[in-house]
Amino acid sequence: MPDNIKEIFSRNLRYFMELGKISQADICRDLKVSSATASDWYNGNKFPRSDKIQRLADLLGVRLSSLTTENGPEDYEYQRRLEALHKNPKLRMLFDIQMGLKPQSLDAVTAVVKEIAKERGEDD
């Protein structure tokens, strides 16, 4: 497996762990892997099996592709907003709709839904 894939995975794993306040110890406990294994994934030394990648994605609350696709800073922000949209029960129905949206359109959809929720006296 090319080193680049492991680096991409490691970078994405670190980002989503920080975003979700998930520790390596959390990964060890929830995925039943050793600390050496979690450390190898975190540091880009090894790439997990596909079933472990899916379990990591589930633990982090992201799609599997979020861990395996190369992202730049603006992509991470866009991805963060997509994940927030997906996690919000009131906005979840829009998740499938927004898959092809550009960031500006996603902002517009999110703003409209939040405004509707506010008018109804609902929280985010």
PDB file of N, CA and C in Angstrom:
ATOM      1  N   MET A   1       0.852  -1.178   0.000  1.00  0.00           N
ATOM      2  CA  MET A   1       0.000   0.000   0.000  1.00  0.00           C
ATOM      3  C   MET A   1       0.897   1.240   0.000  1.00  0.00           C
ATOM      4  N   PRO A   2       0.630   2.186  -0.902  1.00  0.00           N
ATOM      5  CA  PRO A   2       1.478   3.387  -0.959  1.00  0.00           C
ATOM      6  C   PRO A   2       1.445   4.161   0.352  1.00  0.00           C
ATOM      7  N   ASP A   3       2.602   4.716   0.713  1.00  0.00           N
ATOM      8  CA  ASP A   3       2.677   5.507   1.943  1.00  0.00           C
ATOM      9  C   ASP A   3       1.688   6.655   1.933  1.00  0.00           C
ATOM     10  N   ASN A   4       1.415   7.213   0.767  1.00  0.00           N
ATOM     11  CA  ASN A   4       0.519   8.354   0.665  1.00  0.00           C
ATOM     12  C   ASN A   4      -0.868   8.036   1.233  1.00  0.00           C
ATOM     13  N   ILE A   5      -1.363   6.842   0.977  1.00  0.00           N
ATOM     14  CA  ILE A   5      -2.683   6.441   1.487  1.00  0.00           C
ATOM     15  C   ILE A   5      -2.673   6.438   3.016  1.00  0.00           C
ATOM     16  N   LYS A   6      -1.610   5.910   3.595  1.00  0.00           N
ATOM     17  CA  LYS A   6      -1.510   5.869   5.054  1.00  0.00           C
ATOM     18  C   LYS A   6      -1.418   7.281   5.616  1.00  0.00           C
ATOM     19  N   GLU A   7      -0.701   8.160   4.934  1.00  0.00           N
ATOM     20  CA  GLU A   7      -0.582   9.549   5.383  1.00  0.00           C
ATOM     21  C   GLU A   7      -1.924  10.266   5.316  1.00  0.00           C
ATOM     22  N   ILE A   8      -2.645  10.065   4.231  1.00  0.00           N
ATOM     23  CA  ILE A   8      -3.978  10.681   4.081  1.00  0.00           C
ATOM     24  C   ILE A   8      -4.887  10.195   5.197  1.00  0.00           C
ATOM     25  N   PHE A   9      -4.912   8.883   5.409  1.00  0.00           N
ATOM     26  CA  PHE A   9      -5.756   8.321   6.457  1.00  0.00           C
ATOM     27  C   PHE A   9      -5.370   8.883   7.824  1.00  0.00           C
ATOM     28  N   SER A  10      -4.086   8.917   8.112  1.00  0.00           N
ATOM     29  CA  SER A  10      -3.602   9.415   9.395  1.00  0.00           C
ATOM     30  C   SER A  10      -4.013  10.870   9.618  1.00  0.00           C
ATOM     31  N   ARG A  11      -3.825  11.689   8.610  1.00  0.00           N
ATOM     32  CA  ARG A  11      -4.176  13.113   8.709  1.00  0.00           C
ATOM     33  C   ARG A  11      -5.669  13.277   8.967  1.00  0.00           C
ATOM     34  N   ASN A  12      -6.493  12.526   8.221  1.00  0.00           N
ATOM     35  CA  ASN A  12      -7.941  12.614   8.406  1.00  0.00           C
ATOM     36  C   ASN A  12      -8.362  12.073   9.768  1.00  0.00           C
ATOM     37  N   LEU A  13      -7.751  10.969  10.188  1.00  0.00           N
ATOM     38  CA  LEU A  13      -8.063  10.398  11.498  1.00  0.00           C
ATOM     39  C   LEU A  13      -7.757  11.406  12.598  1.00  0.00           C
ATOM     40  N   ARG A  14      -6.600  12.024  12.540  1.00  0.00           N
ATOM     41  CA  ARG A  14      -6.233  13.028  13.544  1.00  0.00           C
ATOM     42  C   ARG A  14      -7.234  14.179  13.569  1.00  0.00           C
ATOM     43  N   TYR A  15      -7.598  14.657  12.387  1.00  0.00           N
ATOM     44  CA  TYR A  15      -8.525  15.783  12.298  1.00  0.00           C
ATOM     45  C   TYR A  15      -9.862  15.439  12.961  1.00  0.00           C
ATOM     46  N   PHE A  16     -10.434  14.296  12.593  1.00  0.00           N
ATOM     47  CA  PHE A  16     -11.752  13.953  13.126  1.00  0.00           C
ATOM     48  C   PHE A  16     -11.699  13.527  14.591  1.00  0.00           C
ATOM     49  N   MET A  17     -10.564  12.979  15.020  1.00  0.00           N
ATOM     50  CA  MET A  17     -10.411  12.694  16.447  1.00  0.00           C
ATOM     51  C   MET A  17     -10.411  13.998  17.240  1.00  0.00           C
ATOM     52  N   GLU A  18      -9.680  14.985  16.758  1.00  0.00           N
ATOM     53  CA  GLU A  18      -9.645  16.280  17.450  1.00  0.00           C
ATOM     54  C   GLU A  18     -11.016  16.939  17.435  1.00  0.00           C
ATOM     55  N   LEU A  19     -11.658  16.911  16.293  1.00  0.00           N
ATOM     56  CA  LEU A  19     -12.978  17.523  16.156  1.00  0.00           C
ATOM     57  C   LEU A  19     -13.990  16.877  17.104  1.00  0.00           C
ATOM     58  N   GLY A  20     -13.944  15.555  17.210  1.00  0.00           N
ATOM     59  CA  GLY A  20     -14.891  14.837  18.056  1.00  0.00           C
ATOM     60  C   GLY A  20     -14.413  14.593  19.471  1.00  0.00           C
ATOM     61  N   LYS A  21     -13.212  15.118  19.789  1.00  0.00           N
ATOM     62  CA  LYS A  21     -12.627  14.912  21.110  1.00  0.00           C
ATOM     63  C   LYS A  21     -12.555  13.415  21.454  1.00  0.00           C
ATOM     64  N   ILE A  22     -12.089  12.640  20.476  1.00  0.00           N
ATOM     65  CA  ILE A  22     -11.912  11.196  20.625  1.00  0.00           C
ATOM     66  C   ILE A  22     -10.426  10.931  20.826  1.00  0.00           C
ATOM     67  N   SER A  23     -10.079  10.140  21.825  1.00  0.00           N
ATOM     68  CA  SER A  23      -8.679   9.840  22.113  1.00  0.00           C
ATOM     69  C   SER A  23      -8.299   8.479  21.519  1.00  0.00           C
ATOM     70  N   GLN A  24      -6.994   8.220  21.507  1.00  0.00           N
ATOM     71  CA  GLN A  24      -6.535   6.896  21.084  1.00  0.00           C
ATOM     72  C   GLN A  24      -7.062   5.834  22.043  1.00  0.00           C
ATOM     73  N   ALA A  25      -7.163   6.179  23.314  1.00  0.00           N
ATOM     74  CA  ALA A  25      -7.708   5.235  24.304  1.00  0.00           C
ATOM     75  C   ALA A  25      -9.161   4.896  23.979  1.00  0.00           C
ATOM     76  N   ASP A  26      -9.934   5.888  23.509  1.00  0.00           N
ATOM     77  CA  ASP A  26     -11.324   5.636  23.099  1.00  0.00           C
ATOM     78  C   ASP A  26     -11.362   4.640  21.942  1.00  0.00           C
ATOM     79  N   ILE A  27     -10.452   4.832  20.993  1.00  0.00           N
ATOM     80  CA  ILE A  27     -10.387   3.930  19.836  1.00  0.00           C
ATOM     81  C   ILE A  27     -10.041   2.516  20.292  1.00  0.00           C
ATOM     82  N   CYS A  28      -9.056   2.402  21.164  1.00  0.00           N
ATOM     83  CA  CYS A  28      -8.658   1.082  21.685  1.00  0.00           C
ATOM     84  C   CYS A  28      -9.834   0.383  22.353  1.00  0.00           C
ATOM     85  N   ARG A  29     -10.536   1.121  23.187  1.00  0.00           N
ATOM     86  CA  ARG A  29     -11.658   0.541  23.936  1.00  0.00           C
ATOM     87  C   ARG A  29     -12.806   0.158  23.005  1.00  0.00           C
ATOM     88  N   ASP A  30     -13.216   1.073  22.133  1.00  0.00           N
ATOM     89  CA  ASP A  30     -14.401   0.845  21.314  1.00  0.00           C
ATOM     90  C   ASP A  30     -14.168  -0.130  20.160  1.00  0.00           C
ATOM     91  N   LEU A  31     -12.944  -0.163  19.628  1.00  0.00           N
ATOM     92  CA  LEU A  31     -12.646  -1.056  18.515  1.00  0.00           C
ATOM     93  C   LEU A  31     -11.923  -2.325  18.956  1.00  0.00           C
ATOM     94  N   LYS A  32     -11.625  -2.390  20.263  1.00  0.00           N
ATOM     95  CA  LYS A  32     -10.944  -3.553  20.836  1.00  0.00           C
ATOM     96  C   LYS A  32      -9.643  -3.849  20.094  1.00  0.00           C
ATOM     97  N   VAL A  33      -8.803  -2.785  20.005  1.00  0.00           N
ATOM     98  CA  VAL A  33      -7.470  -2.922  19.414  1.00  0.00           C
ATOM     99  C   VAL A  33      -6.446  -2.470  20.441  1.00  0.00           C
ATOM    100  N   SER A  34      -5.216  -2.871  20.229  1.00  0.00           N
ATOM    101  CA  SER A  34      -4.149  -2.498  21.157  1.00  0.00           C
ATOM    102  C   SER A  34      -3.768  -1.034  20.974  1.00  0.00           C
ATOM    103  N   SER A  35      -3.096  -0.500  21.975  1.00  0.00           N
ATOM    104  CA  SER A  35      -2.635   0.885  21.877  1.00  0.00           C
ATOM    105  C   SER A  35      -1.596   1.023  20.768  1.00  0.00           C
ATOM    106  N   ALA A  36      -0.819  -0.029  20.536  1.00  0.00           N
ATOM    107  CA  ALA A  36       0.171   0.006  19.447  1.00  0.00           C
ATOM    108  C   ALA A  36      -0.532   0.114  18.093  1.00  0.00           C
ATOM    109  N   THR A  37      -1.618  -0.602  17.933  1.00  0.00           N
ATOM    110  CA  THR A  37      -2.376  -0.541  16.674  1.00  0.00           C
ATOM    111  C   THR A  37      -2.956   0.849  16.464  1.00  0.00           C
ATOM    112  N   ALA A  38      -3.619   1.387  17.481  1.00  0.00           N
ATOM    113  CA  ALA A  38      -4.198   2.737  17.371  1.00  0.00           C
ATOM    114  C   ALA A  38      -3.106   3.763  17.081  1.00  0.00           C
ATOM    115  N   SER A  39      -1.971   3.618  17.718  1.00  0.00           N
ATOM    116  CA  SER A  39      -0.848   4.530  17.504  1.00  0.00           C
ATOM    117  C   SER A  39      -0.324   4.415  16.074  1.00  0.00           C
ATOM    118  N   ASP A  40      -0.234   3.199  15.557  1.00  0.00           N
ATOM    119  CA  ASP A  40       0.216   3.011  14.174  1.00  0.00           C
ATOM    120  C   ASP A  40      -0.730   3.679  13.188  1.00  0.00           C
ATOM    121  N   TRP A  41      -2.022   3.585  13.406  1.00  0.00           N
ATOM    122  CA  TRP A  41      -2.986   4.255  12.529  1.00  0.00           C
ATOM    123  C   TRP A  41      -2.827   5.766  12.648  1.00  0.00           C
ATOM    124  N   TYR A  42      -2.768   6.237  13.874  1.00  0.00           N
ATOM    125  CA  TYR A  42      -2.675   7.672  14.158  1.00  0.00           C
ATOM    126  C   TYR A  42      -1.421   8.285  13.536  1.00  0.00           C
ATOM    127  N   ASN A  43      -0.316   7.551  13.583  1.00  0.00           N
ATOM    128  CA  ASN A  43       0.962   8.061  13.076  1.00  0.00           C
ATOM    129  C   ASN A  43       1.223   7.715  11.619  1.00  0.00           C
ATOM    130  N   GLY A  44       0.298   7.039  10.971  1.00  0.00           N
ATOM    131  CA  GLY A  44       0.460   6.725   9.560  1.00  0.00           C
ATOM    132  C   GLY A  44       1.427   5.592   9.279  1.00  0.00           C
ATOM    133  N   ASN A  45       1.688   4.756  10.268  1.00  0.00           N
ATOM    134  CA  ASN A  45       2.592   3.623  10.070  1.00  0.00           C
ATOM    135  C   ASN A  45       1.890   2.423   9.449  1.00  0.00           C
ATOM    136  N   LYS A  46       0.597   2.299   9.724  1.00  0.00           N
ATOM    137  CA  LYS A  46      -0.191   1.186   9.186  1.00  0.00           C
ATOM    138  C   LYS A  46      -1.562   1.692   8.773  1.00  0.00           C
ATOM    139  N   PHE A  47      -2.187   0.923   7.892  1.00  0.00           N
ATOM    140  CA  PHE A  47      -3.520   1.229   7.407  1.00  0.00           C
ATOM    141  C   PHE A  47      -4.455   0.142   7.913  1.00  0.00           C
ATOM    142  N   PRO A  48      -5.580   0.506   8.522  1.00  0.00           N
ATOM    143  CA  PRO A  48      -6.474  -0.508   9.093  1.00  0.00           C
ATOM    144  C   PRO A  48      -7.202  -1.323   8.016  1.00  0.00           C
ATOM    145  N   ARG A  49      -7.666  -2.492   8.427  1.00  0.00           N
ATOM    146  CA  ARG A  49      -8.527  -3.302   7.561  1.00  0.00           C
ATOM    147  C   ARG A  49      -9.827  -2.534   7.321  1.00  0.00           C
ATOM    148  N   SER A  50     -10.520  -2.892   6.253  1.00  0.00           N
ATOM    149  CA  SER A  50     -11.731  -2.152   5.873  1.00  0.00           C
ATOM    150  C   SER A  50     -12.801  -2.189   6.968  1.00  0.00           C
ATOM    151  N   ASP A  51     -12.944  -3.304   7.673  1.00  0.00           N
ATOM    152  CA  ASP A  51     -13.959  -3.356   8.725  1.00  0.00           C
ATOM    153  C   ASP A  51     -13.612  -2.408   9.871  1.00  0.00           C
ATOM    154  N   LYS A  52     -12.325  -2.245  10.154  1.00  0.00           N
ATOM    155  CA  LYS A  52     -11.906  -1.327  11.204  1.00  0.00           C
ATOM    156  C   LYS A  52     -12.089   0.124  10.761  1.00  0.00           C
ATOM    157  N   ILE A  53     -11.865   0.391   9.481  1.00  0.00           N
ATOM    158  CA  ILE A  53     -12.069   1.758   8.981  1.00  0.00           C
ATOM    159  C   ILE A  53     -13.535   2.144   9.161  1.00  0.00           C
ATOM    160  N   GLN A  54     -14.441   1.227   8.833  1.00  0.00           N
ATOM    161  CA  GLN A  54     -15.862   1.526   8.988  1.00  0.00           C
ATOM    162  C   GLN A  54     -16.215   1.737  10.455  1.00  0.00           C
ATOM    163  N   ARG A  55     -15.660   0.936  11.337  1.00  0.00           N
ATOM    164  CA  ARG A  55     -15.935   1.108  12.761  1.00  0.00           C
ATOM    165  C   ARG A  55     -15.365   2.425  13.277  1.00  0.00           C
ATOM    166  N   LEU A  56     -14.186   2.817  12.765  1.00  0.00           N
ATOM    167  CA  LEU A  56     -13.615   4.128  13.125  1.00  0.00           C
ATOM    168  C   LEU A  56     -14.537   5.243  12.644  1.00  0.00           C
ATOM    169  N   ALA A  57     -14.999   5.129  11.404  1.00  0.00           N
ATOM    170  CA  ALA A  57     -15.902   6.146  10.859  1.00  0.00           C
ATOM    171  C   ALA A  57     -17.155   6.252  11.727  1.00  0.00           C
ATOM    172  N   ASP A  58     -17.700   5.107  12.124  1.00  0.00           N
ATOM    173  CA  ASP A  58     -18.888   5.113  12.986  1.00  0.00           C
ATOM    174  C   ASP A  58     -18.583   5.785  14.328  1.00  0.00           C
ATOM    175  N   LEU A  59     -17.448   5.447  14.918  1.00  0.00           N
ATOM    176  CA  LEU A  59     -17.058   6.042  16.202  1.00  0.00           C
ATOM    177  C   LEU A  59     -16.892   7.554  16.081  1.00  0.00           C
ATOM    178  N   LEU A  60     -16.307   7.994  14.986  1.00  0.00           N
ATOM    179  CA  LEU A  60     -16.056   9.427  14.783  1.00  0.00           C
ATOM    180  C   LEU A  60     -17.276  10.164  14.251  1.00  0.00           C
ATOM    181  N   GLY A  61     -18.295   9.421  13.850  1.00  0.00           N
ATOM    182  CA  GLY A  61     -19.508  10.044  13.326  1.00  0.00           C
ATOM    183  C   GLY A  61     -19.332  10.621  11.936  1.00  0.00           C
ATOM    184  N   VAL A  62     -18.490   9.969  11.120  1.00  0.00           N
ATOM    185  CA  VAL A  62     -18.243  10.441   9.752  1.00  0.00           C
ATOM    186  C   VAL A  62     -18.450   9.295   8.776  1.00  0.00           C
ATOM    187  N   ARG A  63     -18.488   9.626   7.494  1.00  0.00           N
ATOM    188  CA  ARG A  63     -18.555   8.598   6.463  1.00  0.00           C
ATOM    189  C   ARG A  63     -17.166   7.994   6.278  1.00  0.00           C
ATOM    190  N   LEU A  64     -17.112   6.754   5.832  1.00  0.00           N
ATOM    191  CA  LEU A  64     -15.841   6.080   5.593  1.00  0.00           C
ATOM    192  C   LEU A  64     -14.969   6.896   4.641  1.00  0.00           C
ATOM    193  N   SER A  65     -15.557   7.442   3.613  1.00  0.00           N
ATOM    194  CA  SER A  65     -14.785   8.222   2.633  1.00  0.00           C
ATOM    195  C   SER A  65     -14.136   9.452   3.261  1.00  0.00           C
ATOM    196  N   SER A  66     -14.677   9.936   4.355  1.00  0.00           N
ATOM    197  CA  SER A  66     -14.085  11.089   5.038  1.00  0.00           C
ATOM    198  C   SER A  66     -12.713  10.750   5.607  1.00  0.00           C
ATOM    199  N   LEU A  67     -12.495   9.481   5.892  1.00  0.00           N
ATOM    200  CA  LEU A  67     -11.206   9.055   6.433  1.00  0.00           C
ATOM    201  C   LEU A  67     -10.199   8.682   5.344  1.00  0.00           C
ATOM    202  N   THR A  68     -10.692   8.351   4.167  1.00  0.00           N
ATOM    203  CA  THR A  68      -9.801   7.805   3.142  1.00  0.00           C
ATOM    204  C   THR A  68      -9.537   8.736   1.967  1.00  0.00           C
ATOM    205  N   THR A  69     -10.178   9.890   1.934  1.00  0.00           N
ATOM    206  CA  THR A  69     -10.034  10.823   0.829  1.00  0.00           C
ATOM    207  C   THR A  69      -9.159  11.995   1.245  1.00  0.00           C
ATOM    208  N   GLU A  70      -8.252  12.390   0.352  1.00  0.00           N
ATOM    209  CA  GLU A  70      -7.367  13.515   0.660  1.00  0.00           C
ATOM    210  C   GLU A  70      -8.172  14.806   0.731  1.00  0.00           C
ATOM    211  N   ASN A  71      -7.908  15.593   1.765  1.00  0.00           N
ATOM    212  CA  ASN A  71      -8.624  16.847   1.984  1.00  0.00           C
ATOM    213  C   ASN A  71      -7.649  17.980   2.243  1.00  0.00           C
ATOM    214  N   GLY A  72      -8.019  19.172   1.748  1.00  0.00           N
ATOM    215  CA  GLY A  72      -7.291  20.378   2.087  1.00  0.00           C
ATOM    216  C   GLY A  72      -8.046  21.102   3.187  1.00  0.00           C
ATOM    217  N   PRO A  73      -7.513  22.224   3.698  1.00  0.00           N
ATOM    218  CA  PRO A  73      -8.168  22.940   4.796  1.00  0.00           C
ATOM    219  C   PRO A  73      -9.629  23.305   4.497  1.00  0.00           C
ATOM    220  N   GLU A  74      -9.915  23.787   3.288  1.00  0.00           N
ATOM    221  CA  GLU A  74     -11.292  24.154   2.972  1.00  0.00           C
ATOM    222  C   GLU A  74     -12.170  22.914   2.857  1.00  0.00           C
ATOM    223  N   ASP A  75     -11.588  21.792   2.412  1.00  0.00           N
ATOM    224  CA  ASP A  75     -12.345  20.548   2.343  1.00  0.00           C
ATOM    225  C   ASP A  75     -12.720  20.058   3.734  1.00  0.00           C
ATOM    226  N   TYR A  76     -11.799  20.208   4.688  1.00  0.00           N
ATOM    227  CA  TYR A  76     -12.102  19.796   6.059  1.00  0.00           C
ATOM    228  C   TYR A  76     -13.258  20.613   6.617  1.00  0.00           C
ATOM    229  N   GLU A  77     -13.256  21.901   6.367  1.00  0.00           N
ATOM    230  CA  GLU A  77     -14.347  22.752   6.856  1.00  0.00           C
ATOM    231  C   GLU A  77     -15.664  22.336   6.213  1.00  0.00           C
ATOM    232  N   TYR A  78     -15.640  22.116   4.924  1.00  0.00           N
ATOM    233  CA  TYR A  78     -16.836  21.664   4.203  1.00  0.00           C
ATOM    234  C   TYR A  78     -17.296  20.319   4.768  1.00  0.00           C
ATOM    235  N   GLN A  79     -16.350  19.403   4.955  1.00  0.00           N
ATOM    236  CA  GLN A  79     -16.666  18.086   5.498  1.00  0.00           C
ATOM    237  C   GLN A  79     -17.243  18.208   6.903  1.00  0.00           C
ATOM    238  N   ARG A  80     -16.682  19.079   7.718  1.00  0.00           N
ATOM    239  CA  ARG A  80     -17.180  19.288   9.080  1.00  0.00           C
ATOM    240  C   ARG A  80     -18.634  19.733   9.037  1.00  0.00           C
ATOM    241  N   ARG A  81     -18.944  20.648   8.129  1.00  0.00           N
ATOM    242  CA  ARG A  81     -20.322  21.134   8.015  1.00  0.00           C
ATOM    243  C   ARG A  81     -21.256  20.037   7.519  1.00  0.00           C
ATOM    244  N   LEU A  82     -20.787  19.213   6.579  1.00  0.00           N
ATOM    245  CA  LEU A  82     -21.613  18.104   6.104  1.00  0.00           C
ATOM    246  C   LEU A  82     -21.889  17.113   7.228  1.00  0.00           C
ATOM    247  N   GLU A  83     -20.860  16.816   8.010  1.00  0.00           N
ATOM    248  CA  GLU A  83     -21.035  15.875   9.110  1.00  0.00           C
ATOM    249  C   GLU A  83     -21.996  16.440  10.154  1.00  0.00           C
ATOM    250  N   ALA A  84     -21.898  17.742  10.434  1.00  0.00           N
ATOM    251  CA  ALA A  84     -22.814  18.384  11.386  1.00  0.00           C
ATOM    252  C   ALA A  84     -24.246  18.304  10.868  1.00  0.00           C
ATOM    253  N   LEU A  85     -24.410  18.519   9.586  1.00  0.00           N
ATOM    254  CA  LEU A  85     -25.737  18.425   8.971  1.00  0.00           C
ATOM    255  C   LEU A  85     -26.279  17.007   9.119  1.00  0.00           C
ATOM    256  N   HIS A  86     -25.436  16.029   8.870  1.00  0.00           N
ATOM    257  CA  HIS A  86     -25.845  14.629   8.955  1.00  0.00           C
ATOM    258  C   HIS A  86     -26.206  14.229  10.382  1.00  0.00           C
ATOM    259  N   LYS A  87     -25.482  14.734  11.373  1.00  0.00           N
ATOM    260  CA  LYS A  87     -25.706  14.350  12.762  1.00  0.00           C
ATOM    261  C   LYS A  87     -26.949  14.992  13.364  1.00  0.00           C
ATOM    262  N   ASN A  88     -27.378  16.120  12.829  1.00  0.00           N
ATOM    263  CA  ASN A  88     -28.511  16.842  13.389  1.00  0.00           C
ATOM    264  C   ASN A  88     -29.811  16.180  12.936  1.00  0.00           C
ATOM    265  N   PRO A  89     -30.594  15.615  13.872  1.00  0.00           N
ATOM    266  CA  PRO A  89     -31.820  14.916  13.474  1.00  0.00           C
ATOM    267  C   PRO A  89     -32.783  15.783  12.679  1.00  0.00           C
ATOM    268  N   LYS A  90     -32.808  17.056  12.966  1.00  0.00           N
ATOM    269  CA  LYS A  90     -33.727  17.946  12.256  1.00  0.00           C
ATOM    270  C   LYS A  90     -33.257  18.246  10.843  1.00  0.00           C
ATOM    271  N   LEU A  91     -31.969  18.090  10.606  1.00  0.00           N
ATOM    272  CA  LEU A  91     -31.420  18.384   9.287  1.00  0.00           C
ATOM    273  C   LEU A  91     -31.060  17.127   8.507  1.00  0.00           C
ATOM    274  N   ARG A  92     -31.127  15.978   9.140  1.00  0.00           N
ATOM    275  CA  ARG A  92     -30.668  14.734   8.518  1.00  0.00           C
ATOM    276  C   ARG A  92     -31.353  14.454   7.189  1.00  0.00           C
ATOM    277  N   MET A  93     -32.637  14.790   7.061  1.00  0.00           N
ATOM    278  CA  MET A  93     -33.343  14.498   5.814  1.00  0.00           C
ATOM    279  C   MET A  93     -32.716  15.232   4.637  1.00  0.00           C
ATOM    280  N   LEU A  94     -32.014  16.320   4.919  1.00  0.00           N
ATOM    281  CA  LEU A  94     -31.361  17.064   3.854  1.00  0.00           C
ATOM    282  C   LEU A  94     -30.016  16.466   3.461  1.00  0.00           C
ATOM    283  N   PHE A  95     -29.521  15.540   4.266  1.00  0.00           N
ATOM    284  CA  PHE A  95     -28.166  15.038   4.043  1.00  0.00           C
ATOM    285  C   PHE A  95     -28.007  14.430   2.660  1.00  0.00           C
ATOM    286  N   ASP A  96     -28.917  13.573   2.257  1.00  0.00           N
ATOM    287  CA  ASP A  96     -28.803  12.952   0.941  1.00  0.00           C
ATOM    288  C   ASP A  96     -28.980  13.971  -0.175  1.00  0.00           C
ATOM    289  N   ILE A  97     -29.823  14.949   0.060  1.00  0.00           N
ATOM    290  CA  ILE A  97     -30.073  15.977  -0.945  1.00  0.00           C
ATOM    291  C   ILE A  97     -28.814  16.793  -1.207  1.00  0.00           C
ATOM    292  N   GLN A  98     -28.071  17.109  -0.156  1.00  0.00           N
ATOM    293  CA  GLN A  98     -26.945  18.028  -0.268  1.00  0.00           C
ATOM    294  C   GLN A  98     -25.680  17.421  -0.856  1.00  0.00           C
ATOM    295  N   MET A  99     -25.639  16.101  -1.097  1.00  0.00           N
ATOM    296  CA  MET A  99     -24.398  15.446  -1.507  1.00  0.00           C
ATOM    297  C   MET A  99     -23.731  16.129  -2.705  1.00  0.00           C
ATOM    298  N   GLY A 100     -24.497  16.656  -3.640  1.00  0.00           N
ATOM    299  CA  GLY A 100     -23.906  17.289  -4.806  1.00  0.00           C
ATOM    300  C   GLY A 100     -23.822  18.803  -4.717  1.00  0.00           C
ATOM    301  N   LEU A 101     -24.168  19.373  -3.574  1.00  0.00           N
ATOM    302  CA  LEU A 101     -24.193  20.823  -3.450  1.00  0.00           C
ATOM    303  C   LEU A 101     -22.798  21.423  -3.334  1.00  0.00           C
ATOM    304  N   LYS A 102     -22.662  22.594  -3.888  1.00  0.00           N
ATOM    305  CA  LYS A 102     -21.438  23.376  -3.700  1.00  0.00           C
ATOM    306  C   LYS A 102     -21.493  24.001  -2.310  1.00  0.00           C
ATOM    307  N   PRO A 103     -20.330  24.380  -1.743  1.00  0.00           N
ATOM    308  CA  PRO A 103     -20.327  24.944  -0.379  1.00  0.00           C
ATOM    309  C   PRO A 103     -21.292  26.119  -0.203  1.00  0.00           C
ATOM    310  N   GLN A 104     -21.404  27.001  -1.206  1.00  0.00           N
ATOM    311  CA  GLN A 104     -22.307  28.148  -1.077  1.00  0.00           C
ATOM    312  C   GLN A 104     -23.763  27.696  -0.986  1.00  0.00           C
ATOM    313  N   SER A 105     -24.108  26.673  -1.761  1.00  0.00           N
ATOM    314  CA  SER A 105     -25.476  26.159  -1.723  1.00  0.00           C
ATOM    315  C   SER A 105     -25.757  25.464  -0.397  1.00  0.00           C
ATOM    316  N   LEU A 106     -24.759  24.753   0.110  1.00  0.00           N
ATOM    317  CA  LEU A 106     -24.911  24.103   1.407  1.00  0.00           C
ATOM    318  C   LEU A 106     -25.140  25.145   2.497  1.00  0.00           C
ATOM    319  N   ASP A 107     -24.390  26.248   2.430  1.00  0.00           N
ATOM    320  CA  ASP A 107     -24.581  27.335   3.393  1.00  0.00           C
ATOM    321  C   ASP A 107     -26.012  27.865   3.320  1.00  0.00           C
ATOM    322  N   ALA A 108     -26.513  28.049   2.098  1.00  0.00           N
ATOM    323  CA  ALA A 108     -27.859  28.589   1.918  1.00  0.00           C
ATOM    324  C   ALA A 108     -28.907  27.635   2.483  1.00  0.00           C
ATOM    325  N   VAL A 109     -28.781  26.343   2.188  1.00  0.00           N
ATOM    326  CA  VAL A 109     -29.746  25.359   2.684  1.00  0.00           C
ATOM    327  C   VAL A 109     -29.719  25.316   4.207  1.00  0.00           C
ATOM    328  N   THR A 110     -28.527  25.272   4.770  1.00  0.00           N
ATOM    329  CA  THR A 110     -28.387  25.219   6.226  1.00  0.00           C
ATOM    330  C   THR A 110     -28.980  26.465   6.873  1.00  0.00           C
ATOM    331  N   ALA A 111     -28.728  27.630   6.296  1.00  0.00           N
ATOM    332  CA  ALA A 111     -29.257  28.882   6.843  1.00  0.00           C
ATOM    333  C   ALA A 111     -30.779  28.899   6.816  1.00  0.00           C
ATOM    334  N   VAL A 112     -31.358  28.436   5.729  1.00  0.00           N
ATOM    335  CA  VAL A 112     -32.823  28.416   5.615  1.00  0.00           C
ATOM    336  C   VAL A 112     -33.428  27.496   6.668  1.00  0.00           C
ATOM    337  N   VAL A 113     -32.870  26.304   6.805  1.00  0.00           N
ATOM    338  CA  VAL A 113     -33.417  25.349   7.772  1.00  0.00           C
ATOM    339  C   VAL A 113     -33.260  25.870   9.197  1.00  0.00           C
ATOM    340  N   LYS A 114     -32.125  26.478   9.495  1.00  0.00           N
ATOM    341  CA  LYS A 114     -31.919  27.038  10.836  1.00  0.00           C
ATOM    342  C   LYS A 114     -32.903  28.176  11.098  1.00  0.00           C
ATOM    343  N   GLU A 115     -33.171  28.998  10.099  1.00  0.00           N
ATOM    344  CA  GLU A 115     -34.118  30.097  10.255  1.00  0.00           C
ATOM    345  C   GLU A 115     -35.526  29.553  10.516  1.00  0.00           C
ATOM    346  N   ILE A 116     -35.891  28.515   9.802  1.00  0.00           N
ATOM    347  CA  ILE A 116     -37.206  27.892  10.008  1.00  0.00           C
ATOM    348  C   ILE A 116     -37.292  27.339  11.434  1.00  0.00           C
ATOM    349  N   ALA A 117     -36.237  26.667  11.876  1.00  0.00           N
ATOM    350  CA  ALA A 117     -36.227  26.120  13.236  1.00  0.00           C
ATOM    351  C   ALA A 117     -36.331  27.230  14.268  1.00  0.00           C
ATOM    352  N   LYS A 118     -35.635  28.331  14.029  1.00  0.00           N
ATOM    353  CA  LYS A 118     -35.678  29.446  14.969  1.00  0.00           C
ATOM    354  C   LYS A 118     -37.093  30.036  15.036  1.00  0.00           C
ATOM    355  N   GLU A 119     -37.723  30.187  13.898  1.00  0.00           N
ATOM    356  CA  GLU A 119     -39.078  30.720  13.865  1.00  0.00           C
ATOM    357  C   GLU A 119     -40.064  29.813  14.598  1.00  0.00           C
ATOM    358  N   ARG A 120     -39.792  28.520  14.600  1.00  0.00           N
ATOM    359  CA  ARG A 120     -40.640  27.579  15.289  1.00  0.00           C
ATOM    360  C   ARG A 120     -40.283  27.446  16.757  1.00  0.00           C
ATOM    361  N   GLY A 121     -39.236  28.164  17.180  1.00  0.00           N
ATOM    362  CA  GLY A 121     -38.806  28.119  18.579  1.00  0.00           C
ATOM    363  C   GLY A 121     -38.021  26.870  18.929  1.00  0.00           C
ATOM    364  N   GLU A 122     -37.404  26.248  17.917  1.00  0.00           N
ATOM    365  CA  GLU A 122     -36.611  25.047  18.154  1.00  0.00           C
ATOM    366  C   GLU A 122     -35.142  25.396  18.189  1.00  0.00           C
ATOM    367  N   ASP A 123     -34.383  24.594  18.942  1.00  0.00           N
ATOM    368  CA  ASP A 123     -32.939  24.770  18.980  1.00  0.00           C
ATOM    369  C   ASP A 123     -32.323  24.137  17.745  1.00  0.00           C
ATOM    370  N   ASP A 124     -30.986  24.377  17.558  1.00  0.00           N
ATOM    371  CA  ASP A 124     -30.271  23.768  16.427  1.00  0.00           C
ATOM    372  C   ASP A 124     -30.434  22.307  16.416  1.00  0.00           C
TER     373      ASP A 124
END
